[in-house]
Amino acid sequence: MYDKEKMLEKLKGLKALAERGVAGEKESAQKMLEKLMEKYGINENDIAAETVEMAWFRYHDDSEFRLLNQILYMVLGDCDYYNKLGASKRKYKVLGAYCTAAEHLEIELNFEFYKRAMQEELKLFYSAFMNKNKLFPSDEKPKAKSTCKDLSREEELRLSFMMEGMERRTMTKMIERD
């Protein structure tokens, strides 16, 4: 026996992915949706019964807030009905939006996926920034043993292209600007 409510939530999320996904993602979600609907005897009307409710999404910092806002905009379109709650001393803050259960699931899945992707890209960005600005000790200073892993050829290329697009910053340039 299965919990029909939980299954409907999963199916609604799959349906949303099948409608809004990209290329192979869309097709895979549609096939899985059809398979599960048949297996559990659920039809389109069961899935379509949607109610719009306030859903709350957790985030930790400004970059996650900006990412979550963009995902809400991507899924829901209009961004006039989001409410920011939570005190700054908490570990996390919450953002609310009126959406259906399927949209709620789609937002959560996208937020988790893109949050991890953004963290990976930030690691590369930090490496590029440190290298571009030569933020390393001079030759006279003792250096710590390197704990960095070797980069693949693809990562090296991405790092070098990212560095090319950056401006090298120096203290003298900053003083001259002011």
C-alpha atoms as a PDB file:
ATOM      1  CA  MET A   1       0.000   0.000   0.000  1.00  0.00           C
ATOM      2  CA  TYR A   2       1.221   3.513  -0.718  1.00  0.00           C
ATOM      3  CA  ASP A   3       0.307   6.957   0.565  1.00  0.00           C
ATOM      4  CA  LYS A   4      -1.761   8.407  -2.285  1.00  0.00           C
ATOM      5  CA  GLU A   5      -1.102  12.018  -1.235  1.00  0.00           C
ATOM      6  CA  LYS A   6       2.668  11.546  -1.336  1.00  0.00           C
ATOM      7  CA  MET A   7       2.439   9.758  -4.673  1.00  0.00           C
ATOM      8  CA  LEU A   8       0.283  12.567  -6.105  1.00  0.00           C
ATOM      9  CA  GLU A   9       2.877  15.122  -4.978  1.00  0.00           C
ATOM     10  CA  LYS A  10       5.642  13.200  -6.745  1.00  0.00           C
ATOM     11  CA  LEU A  11       3.543  12.797  -9.864  1.00  0.00           C
ATOM     12  CA  LYS A  12       2.698  16.514  -9.906  1.00  0.00           C
ATOM     13  CA  GLY A  13       6.400  17.325  -9.745  1.00  0.00           C
ATOM     14  CA  LEU A  14       7.129  14.895 -12.572  1.00  0.00           C
ATOM     15  CA  LYS A  15       4.290  16.382 -14.616  1.00  0.00           C
ATOM     16  CA  ALA A  16       5.730  19.873 -14.120  1.00  0.00           C
ATOM     17  CA  LEU A  17       9.156  18.624 -15.191  1.00  0.00           C
ATOM     18  CA  ALA A  18       7.624  16.887 -18.224  1.00  0.00           C
ATOM     19  CA  GLU A  19       5.962  20.157 -19.227  1.00  0.00           C
ATOM     20  CA  ARG A  20       8.792  22.577 -18.483  1.00  0.00           C
ATOM     21  CA  GLY A  21      11.933  20.460 -18.634  1.00  0.00           C
ATOM     22  CA  VAL A  22      14.606  20.633 -21.287  1.00  0.00           C
ATOM     23  CA  ALA A  23      15.134  18.051 -24.064  1.00  0.00           C
ATOM     24  CA  GLY A  24      15.919  14.573 -22.633  1.00  0.00           C
ATOM     25  CA  GLU A  25      14.895  15.661 -19.123  1.00  0.00           C
ATOM     26  CA  LYS A  26      11.401  16.408 -20.443  1.00  0.00           C
ATOM     27  CA  GLU A  27      11.062  13.069 -22.253  1.00  0.00           C
ATOM     28  CA  SER A  28      12.397  11.014 -19.312  1.00  0.00           C
ATOM     29  CA  ALA A  29      10.010  12.715 -16.902  1.00  0.00           C
ATOM     30  CA  GLN A  30       7.059  12.069 -19.252  1.00  0.00           C
ATOM     31  CA  LYS A  31       7.905   8.356 -19.572  1.00  0.00           C
ATOM     32  CA  MET A  32       8.306   7.971 -15.816  1.00  0.00           C
ATOM     33  CA  LEU A  33       5.055   9.880 -15.224  1.00  0.00           C
ATOM     34  CA  GLU A  34       3.096   7.587 -17.550  1.00  0.00           C
ATOM     35  CA  LYS A  35       4.633   4.473 -16.004  1.00  0.00           C
ATOM     36  CA  LEU A  36       3.797   5.536 -12.427  1.00  0.00           C
ATOM     37  CA  MET A  37       0.272   6.693 -13.346  1.00  0.00           C
ATOM     38  CA  GLU A  38      -0.444   3.278 -14.853  1.00  0.00           C
ATOM     39  CA  LYS A  39       1.148   1.408 -11.944  1.00  0.00           C
ATOM     40  CA  TYR A  40      -0.878   3.250  -9.278  1.00  0.00           C
ATOM     41  CA  GLY A  41      -4.081   3.787 -11.241  1.00  0.00           C
ATOM     42  CA  ILE A  42      -3.901   7.574 -11.146  1.00  0.00           C
ATOM     43  CA  ASN A  43      -5.326   9.678 -13.958  1.00  0.00           C
ATOM     44  CA  GLU A  44      -4.756  13.222 -15.232  1.00  0.00           C
ATOM     45  CA  ASN A  45      -7.730  14.576 -13.249  1.00  0.00           C
ATOM     46  CA  ASP A  46      -6.223  13.317  -9.980  1.00  0.00           C
ATOM     47  CA  ILE A  47      -3.004  15.132 -10.761  1.00  0.00           C
ATOM     48  CA  ALA A  48      -4.717  18.278 -12.031  1.00  0.00           C
ATOM     49  CA  ALA A  49      -6.613  18.875  -8.767  1.00  0.00           C
ATOM     50  CA  GLU A  50      -4.422  21.754  -7.628  1.00  0.00           C
ATOM     51  CA  THR A  51      -4.808  24.264  -4.854  1.00  0.00           C
ATOM     52  CA  VAL A  52      -2.635  27.318  -4.457  1.00  0.00           C
ATOM     53  CA  GLU A  53      -1.176  27.717  -0.980  1.00  0.00           C
ATOM     54  CA  MET A  54       1.660  29.588   0.686  1.00  0.00           C
ATOM     55  CA  ALA A  55       4.838  27.499   0.558  1.00  0.00           C
ATOM     56  CA  TRP A  56       7.988  28.320   2.516  1.00  0.00           C
ATOM     57  CA  PHE A  57      11.528  27.855   1.246  1.00  0.00           C
ATOM     58  CA  ARG A  58      14.677  27.999   3.390  1.00  0.00           C
ATOM     59  CA  TYR A  59      17.866  29.766   2.375  1.00  0.00           C
ATOM     60  CA  HIS A  60      21.055  30.652   4.268  1.00  0.00           C
ATOM     61  CA  ASP A  61      22.714  33.723   2.776  1.00  0.00           C
ATOM     62  CA  ASP A  62      22.386  36.484   0.205  1.00  0.00           C
ATOM     63  CA  SER A  63      23.608  34.366  -2.707  1.00  0.00           C
ATOM     64  CA  GLU A  64      21.063  31.631  -1.900  1.00  0.00           C
ATOM     65  CA  PHE A  65      18.353  34.311  -1.512  1.00  0.00           C
ATOM     66  CA  ARG A  66      19.145  35.667  -4.974  1.00  0.00           C
ATOM     67  CA  LEU A  67      19.198  32.165  -6.487  1.00  0.00           C
ATOM     68  CA  LEU A  68      15.902  31.208  -4.830  1.00  0.00           C
ATOM     69  CA  ASN A  69      14.281  34.428  -6.066  1.00  0.00           C
ATOM     70  CA  GLN A  70      15.402  33.657  -9.610  1.00  0.00           C
ATOM     71  CA  ILE A  71      14.040  30.110  -9.411  1.00  0.00           C
ATOM     72  CA  LEU A  72      10.732  31.394  -8.051  1.00  0.00           C
ATOM     73  CA  TYR A  73      10.626  33.793 -10.983  1.00  0.00           C
ATOM     74  CA  MET A  74      11.504  30.964 -13.419  1.00  0.00           C
ATOM     75  CA  VAL A  75       8.757  28.663 -12.124  1.00  0.00           C
ATOM     76  CA  LEU A  76       6.043  31.139 -11.136  1.00  0.00           C
ATOM     77  CA  GLY A  77       6.712  34.073 -13.433  1.00  0.00           C
ATOM     78  CA  ASP A  78       5.455  37.023 -11.397  1.00  0.00           C
ATOM     79  CA  CYS A  79       7.516  37.918  -8.350  1.00  0.00           C
ATOM     80  CA  ASP A  80       5.124  40.298  -6.547  1.00  0.00           C
ATOM     81  CA  TYR A  81       3.872  37.782  -4.013  1.00  0.00           C
ATOM     82  CA  TYR A  82       6.983  36.561  -2.206  1.00  0.00           C
ATOM     83  CA  ASN A  83       7.330  37.300   1.495  1.00  0.00           C
ATOM     84  CA  LYS A  84      10.660  37.367   3.270  1.00  0.00           C
ATOM     85  CA  LEU A  85      10.565  36.229   6.879  1.00  0.00           C
ATOM     86  CA  GLY A  86      13.099  35.249   9.480  1.00  0.00           C
ATOM     87  CA  ALA A  87      15.560  37.026  11.699  1.00  0.00           C
ATOM     88  CA  SER A  88      19.128  37.543  10.571  1.00  0.00           C
ATOM     89  CA  LYS A  89      20.482  35.716  13.649  1.00  0.00           C
ATOM     90  CA  ARG A  90      18.893  32.420  12.619  1.00  0.00           C
ATOM     91  CA  LYS A  91      20.838  29.786  10.718  1.00  0.00           C
ATOM     92  CA  TYR A  92      18.408  30.132   7.861  1.00  0.00           C
ATOM     93  CA  LYS A  93      15.767  32.496   6.606  1.00  0.00           C
ATOM     94  CA  VAL A  94      12.588  31.647   4.745  1.00  0.00           C
ATOM     95  CA  LEU A  95      10.919  32.989   1.665  1.00  0.00           C
ATOM     96  CA  GLY A  96       7.242  32.379   0.976  1.00  0.00           C
ATOM     97  CA  ALA A  97       5.382  32.176  -2.294  1.00  0.00           C
ATOM     98  CA  TYR A  98       1.872  31.207  -3.287  1.00  0.00           C
ATOM     99  CA  CYS A  99       2.101  28.136  -5.498  1.00  0.00           C
ATOM    100  CA  THR A 100       0.643  24.722  -6.186  1.00  0.00           C
ATOM    101  CA  ALA A 101       2.122  21.557  -4.688  1.00  0.00           C
ATOM    102  CA  ALA A 102       3.679  20.669  -8.049  1.00  0.00           C
ATOM    103  CA  GLU A 103       5.261  24.117  -8.335  1.00  0.00           C
ATOM    104  CA  HIS A 104       6.480  23.819  -4.731  1.00  0.00           C
ATOM    105  CA  LEU A 105       8.226  20.547  -5.550  1.00  0.00           C
ATOM    106  CA  GLU A 106       9.663  21.939  -8.783  1.00  0.00           C
ATOM    107  CA  ILE A 107      11.046  24.978  -6.929  1.00  0.00           C
ATOM    108  CA  GLU A 108      12.635  22.811  -4.239  1.00  0.00           C
ATOM    109  CA  LEU A 109      14.220  20.434  -6.763  1.00  0.00           C
ATOM    110  CA  ASN A 110      15.584  23.259  -8.887  1.00  0.00           C
ATOM    111  CA  PHE A 111      16.851  25.173  -5.855  1.00  0.00           C
ATOM    112  CA  GLU A 112      18.778  22.175  -4.499  1.00  0.00           C
ATOM    113  CA  PHE A 113      20.229  21.356  -7.921  1.00  0.00           C
ATOM    114  CA  TYR A 114      21.313  24.899  -8.781  1.00  0.00           C
ATOM    115  CA  LYS A 115      22.566  25.601  -5.256  1.00  0.00           C
ATOM    116  CA  ARG A 116      25.037  22.703  -5.580  1.00  0.00           C
ATOM    117  CA  ALA A 117      25.980  23.796  -9.105  1.00  0.00           C
ATOM    118  CA  MET A 118      26.539  27.373  -7.926  1.00  0.00           C
ATOM    119  CA  GLN A 119      28.773  26.182  -5.065  1.00  0.00           C
ATOM    120  CA  GLU A 120      30.928  24.227  -7.522  1.00  0.00           C
ATOM    121  CA  GLU A 121      31.225  27.246  -9.813  1.00  0.00           C
ATOM    122  CA  LEU A 122      32.138  29.490  -6.871  1.00  0.00           C
ATOM    123  CA  LYS A 123      35.050  27.203  -6.002  1.00  0.00           C
ATOM    124  CA  LEU A 124      36.358  27.658  -9.535  1.00  0.00           C
ATOM    125  CA  PHE A 125      35.729  31.409  -9.360  1.00  0.00           C
ATOM    126  CA  TYR A 126      37.739  31.714  -6.130  1.00  0.00           C
ATOM    127  CA  SER A 127      40.666  29.838  -7.691  1.00  0.00           C
ATOM    128  CA  ALA A 128      40.550  32.084 -10.753  1.00  0.00           C
ATOM    129  CA  PHE A 129      40.351  35.217  -8.608  1.00  0.00           C
ATOM    130  CA  MET A 130      43.296  34.161  -6.406  1.00  0.00           C
ATOM    131  CA  ASN A 131      45.420  33.314  -9.451  1.00  0.00           C
ATOM    132  CA  LYS A 132      44.481  36.436 -11.449  1.00  0.00           C
ATOM    133  CA  ASN A 133      45.339  38.701  -8.531  1.00  0.00           C
ATOM    134  CA  LYS A 134      48.403  36.663  -7.486  1.00  0.00           C
ATOM    135  CA  LEU A 135      47.281  36.296  -3.881  1.00  0.00           C
ATOM    136  CA  PHE A 136      50.168  34.067  -2.849  1.00  0.00           C
ATOM    137  CA  PRO A 137      53.191  34.597  -0.601  1.00  0.00           C
ATOM    138  CA  SER A 138      56.363  36.040  -2.095  1.00  0.00           C
ATOM    139  CA  ASP A 139      59.332  33.762  -2.793  1.00  0.00           C
ATOM    140  CA  GLU A 140      61.028  34.864   0.457  1.00  0.00           C
ATOM    141  CA  LYS A 141      58.133  33.640   2.611  1.00  0.00           C
ATOM    142  CA  PRO A 142      57.766  30.010   3.648  1.00  0.00           C
ATOM    143  CA  LYS A 143      55.002  28.268   1.747  1.00  0.00           C
ATOM    144  CA  ALA A 144      52.611  25.652   3.047  1.00  0.00           C
ATOM    145  CA  LYS A 145      52.473  22.282   1.365  1.00  0.00           C
ATOM    146  CA  SER A 146      49.845  22.250  -1.318  1.00  0.00           C
ATOM    147  CA  THR A 147      46.642  20.431  -0.448  1.00  0.00           C
ATOM    148  CA  CYS A 148      45.031  21.258  -3.786  1.00  0.00           C
ATOM    149  CA  LYS A 149      44.002  18.440  -6.049  1.00  0.00           C
ATOM    150  CA  ASP A 150      45.302  18.365  -9.587  1.00  0.00           C
ATOM    151  CA  LEU A 151      42.911  19.913 -12.049  1.00  0.00           C
ATOM    152  CA  SER A 152      41.722  18.110 -15.139  1.00  0.00           C
ATOM    153  CA  ARG A 153      42.497  19.638 -18.531  1.00  0.00           C
ATOM    154  CA  GLU A 154      38.888  20.847 -18.798  1.00  0.00           C
ATOM    155  CA  GLU A 155      39.050  22.508 -15.365  1.00  0.00           C
ATOM    156  CA  GLU A 156      42.361  24.176 -16.267  1.00  0.00           C
ATOM    157  CA  LEU A 157      40.825  25.593 -19.459  1.00  0.00           C
ATOM    158  CA  ARG A 158      37.735  26.847 -17.622  1.00  0.00           C
ATOM    159  CA  LEU A 159      39.964  28.430 -14.989  1.00  0.00           C
ATOM    160  CA  SER A 160      42.131  30.184 -17.587  1.00  0.00           C
ATOM    161  CA  PHE A 161      39.098  31.468 -19.532  1.00  0.00           C
ATOM    162  CA  MET A 162      37.539  32.743 -16.341  1.00  0.00           C
ATOM    163  CA  MET A 163      40.801  34.505 -15.416  1.00  0.00           C
ATOM    164  CA  GLU A 164      40.933  36.131 -18.875  1.00  0.00           C
ATOM    165  CA  GLY A 165      37.580  37.784 -18.253  1.00  0.00           C
ATOM    166  CA  MET A 166      38.649  39.205 -14.897  1.00  0.00           C
ATOM    167  CA  GLU A 167      40.342  42.505 -14.222  1.00  0.00           C
ATOM    168  CA  ARG A 168      43.557  42.271 -12.212  1.00  0.00           C
ATOM    169  CA  ARG A 169      43.179  44.435  -9.146  1.00  0.00           C
ATOM    170  CA  THR A 170      46.010  46.110  -7.315  1.00  0.00           C
ATOM    171  CA  MET A 171      46.096  48.472  -4.364  1.00  0.00           C
ATOM    172  CA  THR A 172      47.759  51.205  -6.441  1.00  0.00           C
ATOM    173  CA  LYS A 173      45.011  51.055  -9.094  1.00  0.00           C
ATOM    174  CA  MET A 174      42.382  51.433  -6.384  1.00  0.00           C
ATOM    175  CA  ILE A 175      44.172  54.419  -4.840  1.00  0.00           C
ATOM    176  CA  GLU A 176      44.593  56.102  -8.237  1.00  0.00           C
ATOM    177  CA  ARG A 177      40.855  55.754  -8.973  1.00  0.00           C
ATOM    178  CA  ASP A 178      39.870  57.592  -5.806  1.00  0.00           C
END
